[in-house]
């Protein structure tokens, strides 16, 4: 395989790459925006089909449709490329700040995570075809559409494909310094729910138990878990609760993200206090 020839060809394709990237970035693709993710998906599948890949569709009801593209070769090894179309950005972001290039950087919602990654995989396939390299069995390219929320629908789909691969490359971005990412942290998602007692905040606040105040105390203790073990982080990312400002809230909740390095991290040995299993009310709010 002539690597230099592939490199030279890819350099020539940069304008087309940027044009393709602009088309994908300028479509709102928040995970729950099925119509937007499917629009970007159709654009990407058109380009996959142009390479001669065989395409398998996986229609989803609540999320964008996934697909598996397969490029057949003459060799033995089976390679999996994997990436996702969805982003974390709300509707309207693409119109508010469409893709632009400033100071040598490409900016736009999902440009880095990970529409450019998907296109990098696509152009790599085209580069192999340009030099006529076919010394592989199959190259499978799985396009996921709800990775940003943990792949609840597609996980079982790509797990089957991954189990048959000799090697897999997830096309997420490298580190800021260019280092290739060879592993990522495990993650867990938790919801902490606090129940209090509702009361009128002006007439009889003493009869209430403020769930939001209690949740705030729990959040401080959750945040204090950071630093207990190397590589483990705890982040409270979303909170909610209450119904009106003049009502002592009887319900509050927080969504918590936990990341860890090893499959059985040391933090599992930490037993939560009894009051986390059944949280009592703060004395001031009983």
Protein backbone atom coordinates (compact mmCIF):
# COMPACT_ATOMS: atom_id res chain seq x y z
CA UNK A 1 0.00 0.00 0.00
CA UNK A 2 1.44 3.35 -1.05
CA UNK A 3 0.86 5.55 2.02
CA UNK A 4 2.43 8.60 0.38
CA UNK A 5 0.08 8.31 -2.59
CA UNK A 6 -2.90 8.15 -0.22
CA UNK A 7 -1.59 11.17 1.70
CA UNK A 8 -1.10 13.20 -1.46
CA UNK A 9 -4.57 12.29 -2.71
CA UNK A 10 -6.17 13.24 0.61
CA UNK A 11 -4.45 16.62 0.51
CA UNK A 12 -6.07 17.22 -2.88
CA UNK A 13 -9.47 16.27 -1.47
CA UNK A 14 -9.42 18.86 1.33
CA UNK A 15 -11.83 21.30 -0.41
CA UNK A 16 -14.34 18.49 -0.96
CA UNK A 17 -13.90 17.30 2.63
CA UNK A 18 -14.67 20.79 3.94
CA UNK A 19 -17.71 21.05 1.67
CA UNK A 20 -19.02 17.72 2.98
CA UNK A 21 -18.30 18.76 6.56
CA UNK A 22 -20.16 22.03 6.12
CA UNK A 23 -23.21 20.15 4.81
CA UNK A 24 -23.26 17.92 7.92
CA UNK A 25 -22.43 20.58 10.51
CA UNK A 26 -25.11 22.98 9.28
CA UNK A 27 -27.88 20.53 10.19
CA UNK A 28 -29.20 20.48 13.77
CA UNK A 29 -28.47 16.98 15.03
CA UNK A 30 -29.31 16.97 18.73
CA UNK A 31 -29.96 13.38 19.77
CA UNK A 32 -33.70 13.84 20.22
CA UNK A 33 -34.10 15.67 16.90
CA UNK A 34 -34.79 12.57 14.81
CA UNK A 35 -35.65 14.55 11.69
CA UNK A 36 -32.36 16.45 11.84
CA UNK A 37 -30.22 13.40 12.55
CA UNK A 38 -31.94 11.53 9.71
CA UNK A 39 -31.27 14.44 7.35
CA UNK A 40 -27.56 14.35 8.16
CA UNK A 41 -27.70 10.56 7.94
CA UNK A 42 -29.06 10.66 4.42
CA UNK A 43 -26.27 13.04 3.38
CA UNK A 44 -23.65 10.72 4.82
CA UNK A 45 -25.17 7.54 3.41
CA UNK A 46 -25.16 9.05 -0.07
CA UNK A 47 -21.42 9.43 0.23
CA UNK A 48 -21.00 5.93 1.61
CA UNK A 49 -22.97 4.46 -1.28
CA UNK A 50 -20.80 6.36 -3.73
CA UNK A 51 -17.82 4.29 -2.53
CA UNK A 52 -19.60 1.07 -3.51
CA UNK A 53 -20.33 0.00 0.07
CA UNK A 54 -23.19 -2.39 0.76
CA UNK A 55 -25.65 -0.68 3.09
CA UNK A 56 -27.79 -2.18 5.84
CA UNK A 57 -30.42 0.12 7.38
CA UNK A 58 -31.54 0.02 11.02
CA UNK A 59 -34.68 2.19 11.34
CA UNK A 60 -35.32 3.50 14.86
CA UNK A 61 -38.56 4.97 16.18
CA UNK A 62 -37.36 7.53 18.71
CA UNK A 63 -33.90 8.31 17.36
CA UNK A 64 -32.22 8.76 14.01
CA UNK A 65 -31.89 5.67 11.85
CA UNK A 66 -28.57 3.80 12.15
CA UNK A 67 -26.81 2.09 9.27
CA UNK A 68 -23.98 -0.34 8.56
CA UNK A 69 -21.88 0.09 5.44
CA UNK A 70 -19.64 -2.78 4.35
CA UNK A 71 -16.75 -2.55 1.88
CA UNK A 72 -15.65 -5.97 0.59
CA UNK A 73 -11.99 -6.78 0.03
CA UNK A 74 -9.87 -9.73 -1.08
CA UNK A 75 -8.02 -10.39 2.18
CA UNK A 76 -8.86 -11.86 5.58
CA UNK A 77 -9.02 -9.22 8.34
CA UNK A 78 -12.33 -7.66 9.29
CA UNK A 79 -12.13 -4.05 10.42
CA UNK A 80 -14.84 -2.00 12.14
CA UNK A 81 -15.11 1.78 11.89
CA UNK A 82 -17.66 3.37 14.19
CA UNK A 83 -18.97 6.88 14.74
CA UNK A 84 -22.07 8.87 15.62
CA UNK A 85 -24.13 11.58 13.93
CA UNK A 86 -25.88 13.08 16.96
CA UNK A 87 -24.65 16.07 18.94
CA UNK A 88 -25.43 17.69 22.29
CA UNK A 89 -26.58 21.01 20.79
CA UNK A 90 -30.18 22.29 20.93
CA UNK A 91 -32.23 23.08 17.85
CA UNK A 92 -31.32 26.41 16.30
CA UNK A 93 -27.59 26.14 17.03
CA UNK A 94 -26.65 25.36 13.43
CA UNK A 95 -28.48 28.45 12.17
CA UNK A 96 -27.08 30.63 14.96
CA UNK A 97 -23.48 29.62 14.36
CA UNK A 98 -23.00 27.64 11.15
CA UNK A 99 -19.64 26.15 10.31
CA UNK A 100 -16.82 28.63 9.82
CA UNK A 101 -13.04 28.52 9.69
CA UNK A 102 -11.16 30.97 11.91
CA UNK A 103 -7.43 31.05 12.62
CA UNK A 104 -6.99 27.60 11.12
CA UNK A 105 -9.73 26.06 13.25
CA UNK A 106 -13.03 24.62 12.04
CA UNK A 107 -15.85 25.78 14.29
CA UNK A 108 -19.46 24.65 14.34
CA UNK A 109 -21.83 22.39 16.31
CA UNK A 110 -20.60 18.82 16.09
CA UNK A 111 -17.67 19.61 13.80
CA UNK A 112 -15.21 17.97 16.18
CA UNK A 113 -17.56 15.54 17.94
CA UNK A 114 -17.84 13.92 15.60
CA UNK A 115 -18.91 14.76 12.08
CA UNK A 116 -15.32 15.35 11.00
CA UNK A 117 -14.48 11.93 12.44
CA UNK A 118 -17.15 10.25 10.34
CA UNK A 119 -15.84 11.96 7.24
CA UNK A 120 -12.25 11.01 8.12
CA UNK A 121 -13.34 7.37 8.04
CA UNK A 122 -15.17 7.85 4.75
CA UNK A 123 -12.21 9.58 3.09
CA UNK A 124 -9.88 6.85 4.40
CA UNK A 125 -11.99 4.29 2.55
CA UNK A 126 -11.83 6.40 -0.58
CA UNK A 127 -8.05 6.71 -0.15
CA UNK A 128 -7.69 2.92 -0.09
CA UNK A 129 -9.78 2.70 -3.22
CA UNK A 130 -7.67 5.38 -4.90
CA UNK A 131 -4.54 3.22 -4.65
CA UNK A 132 -6.42 -0.01 -5.31
CA UNK A 133 -5.71 -1.53 -1.88
CA UNK A 134 -7.98 -4.51 -1.17
CA UNK A 135 -5.94 -6.65 1.24
CA UNK A 136 -8.70 -6.86 3.84
CA UNK A 137 -11.73 -9.07 4.29
CA UNK A 138 -14.46 -6.56 5.11
CA UNK A 139 -14.40 -3.02 6.40
CA UNK A 140 -17.62 -2.38 8.31
CA UNK A 141 -18.65 1.19 9.03
CA UNK A 142 -21.37 1.50 11.69
CA UNK A 143 -23.09 4.89 11.99
CA UNK A 144 -24.69 5.45 15.38
CA UNK A 145 -27.32 8.14 16.07
CA UNK A 146 -27.78 8.35 19.86
CA UNK A 147 -24.30 7.98 21.30
CA UNK A 148 -24.56 11.20 23.29
CA UNK A 149 -27.15 9.61 25.58
CA UNK A 150 -25.41 6.25 25.88
CA UNK A 151 -26.61 4.42 22.74
CA UNK A 152 -29.72 2.87 24.35
CA UNK A 153 -31.17 1.64 21.04
CA UNK A 154 -28.09 0.94 18.91
CA UNK A 155 -25.86 -0.72 21.49
CA UNK A 156 -27.06 -4.22 20.70
CA UNK A 157 -26.83 -3.54 16.96
CA UNK A 158 -23.17 -2.58 16.83
CA UNK A 159 -22.19 -5.04 19.57
CA UNK A 160 -23.00 -7.87 17.15
CA UNK A 161 -20.82 -6.32 14.45
CA UNK A 162 -17.97 -5.53 16.85
CA UNK A 163 -17.89 -9.11 18.06
CA UNK A 164 -16.92 -10.25 14.58
CA UNK A 165 -14.18 -7.66 14.02
CA UNK A 166 -10.44 -8.27 14.25
CA UNK A 167 -9.88 -4.59 15.02
CA UNK A 168 -12.12 -1.61 15.70
CA UNK A 169 -11.51 2.11 15.31
CA UNK A 170 -13.90 4.60 16.92
CA UNK A 171 -13.59 7.81 14.95
CA UNK A 172 -13.87 10.25 17.87
CA UNK A 173 -11.40 13.11 17.92
CA UNK A 174 -7.83 12.79 19.18
CA UNK A 175 -6.55 14.80 22.12
CA UNK A 176 -5.85 18.50 21.73
CA UNK A 177 -2.13 17.76 21.28
CA UNK A 178 -2.86 15.21 18.54
CA UNK A 179 -2.37 12.06 20.64
CA UNK A 180 -4.48 9.13 19.47
CA UNK A 181 -6.99 7.95 22.08
CA UNK A 182 -6.54 4.21 22.65
CA UNK A 183 -8.95 3.89 25.59
CA UNK A 184 -11.70 5.83 27.29
CA UNK A 185 -13.14 5.91 30.77
CA UNK A 186 -16.14 3.88 31.77
CA UNK A 187 -19.21 5.83 32.78
CA UNK A 188 -22.31 5.57 34.90
CA UNK A 189 -25.43 7.74 35.00
CA UNK A 190 -27.44 8.12 38.19
CA UNK A 191 -30.44 10.13 39.34
CA UNK A 192 -30.65 11.25 42.97
CA UNK A 193 -34.21 11.99 44.06
CA UNK A 194 -35.12 13.82 47.27
CA UNK A 195 -38.66 13.91 48.61
CA UNK A 196 -39.75 16.48 51.16
CA UNK A 197 -43.07 17.91 52.31
CA UNK A 198 -45.05 20.53 50.40
CA UNK A 199 -46.42 23.63 52.14
CA UNK A 200 -47.34 27.23 51.34
CA UNK A 201 -44.15 29.27 51.59
CA UNK A 202 -45.95 32.33 52.99
CA UNK A 203 -48.74 30.92 55.15
CA UNK A 204 -47.19 27.85 56.79
CA UNK A 205 -43.56 27.32 55.74
CA UNK A 206 -42.83 25.60 59.04
CA UNK A 207 -45.00 22.66 57.95
CA UNK A 208 -42.89 22.08 54.85
CA UNK A 209 -39.66 20.25 54.21
CA UNK A 210 -37.68 21.79 51.36
CA UNK A 211 -36.44 19.05 49.03
CA UNK A 212 -34.32 21.50 47.04
CA UNK A 213 -32.37 22.58 50.12
CA UNK A 214 -31.72 18.96 51.02
CA UNK A 215 -30.65 18.18 47.44
CA UNK A 216 -28.19 21.08 47.57
CA UNK A 217 -26.57 19.49 50.61
CA UNK A 218 -26.34 16.14 48.82
CA UNK A 219 -24.78 17.83 45.78
CA UNK A 220 -21.99 19.25 47.94
CA UNK A 221 -21.27 15.79 49.32
CA UNK A 222 -21.34 14.18 45.88
CA UNK A 223 -18.90 16.78 44.59
CA UNK A 224 -16.61 16.09 47.56
CA UNK A 225 -16.14 12.53 46.24
CA UNK A 226 -13.89 13.92 43.49
CA UNK A 227 -10.23 13.23 44.17
CA UNK A 228 -10.80 10.21 46.41
CA UNK A 229 -9.48 7.87 43.70
CA UNK A 230 -7.32 8.67 40.70
CA UNK A 231 -9.23 8.86 37.43
CA UNK A 232 -12.67 8.81 39.05
CA UNK A 233 -14.88 11.87 38.70
CA UNK A 234 -18.37 12.70 39.91
CA UNK A 235 -20.27 15.51 38.21
CA UNK A 236 -23.79 16.79 38.91
CA UNK A 237 -24.89 17.97 35.49
CA UNK A 238 -28.66 18.56 35.61
CA UNK A 239 -30.96 19.45 38.49
CA UNK A 240 -34.68 20.08 38.84
CA UNK A 241 -37.43 20.41 41.37
CA UNK A 242 -40.24 22.48 42.76
CA UNK A 243 -43.45 23.76 41.22
CA UNK A 244 -43.71 27.47 42.13
CA UNK A 245 -41.68 29.99 44.09
CA UNK A 246 -44.38 30.34 46.76
CA UNK A 247 -44.55 26.60 47.44
CA UNK A 248 -42.07 24.70 49.62
CA UNK A 249 -40.96 21.97 47.17
CA UNK A 250 -41.58 18.35 48.05
CA UNK A 251 -39.49 16.95 45.19
CA UNK A 252 -36.04 17.64 43.76
CA UNK A 253 -33.64 15.59 41.66
CA UNK A 254 -30.16 15.65 40.19
CA UNK A 255 -28.61 13.71 37.31
CA UNK A 256 -25.07 12.62 38.13
CA UNK A 257 -22.29 11.51 35.78
CA UNK A 258 -19.59 9.18 37.12
CA UNK A 259 -16.42 8.34 35.16
CA UNK A 260 -13.80 5.74 36.09
CA UNK A 261 -10.65 4.20 34.64
CA UNK A 262 -10.85 0.51 35.58
CA UNK A 263 -13.79 -1.91 35.08
CA UNK A 264 -14.04 -2.40 38.86
CA UNK A 265 -13.00 0.98 40.23
CA UNK A 266 -12.06 1.40 43.89
CA UNK A 267 -14.94 3.79 44.51
CA UNK A 268 -17.31 0.83 44.44
CA UNK A 269 -15.94 -0.12 47.84
CA UNK A 270 -17.25 3.14 49.30
CA UNK A 271 -20.56 2.51 50.97
CA UNK A 272 -23.03 5.38 50.71
CA UNK A 273 -24.24 6.71 54.01
CA UNK A 274 -27.52 5.34 55.26
CA UNK A 275 -29.19 8.66 54.67
CA UNK A 276 -28.43 8.40 50.94
CA UNK A 277 -30.57 5.30 50.82
CA UNK A 278 -33.29 7.01 52.81
CA UNK A 279 -32.41 10.67 53.12
CA UNK A 280 -33.80 12.33 56.26
CA UNK A 281 -34.87 15.92 56.26
CA UNK A 282 -32.54 18.66 57.45
CA UNK A 283 -33.43 19.55 61.07
CA UNK A 284 -34.28 23.09 60.00
CA UNK A 285 -36.92 21.79 57.60
CA UNK A 286 -38.62 19.10 59.65
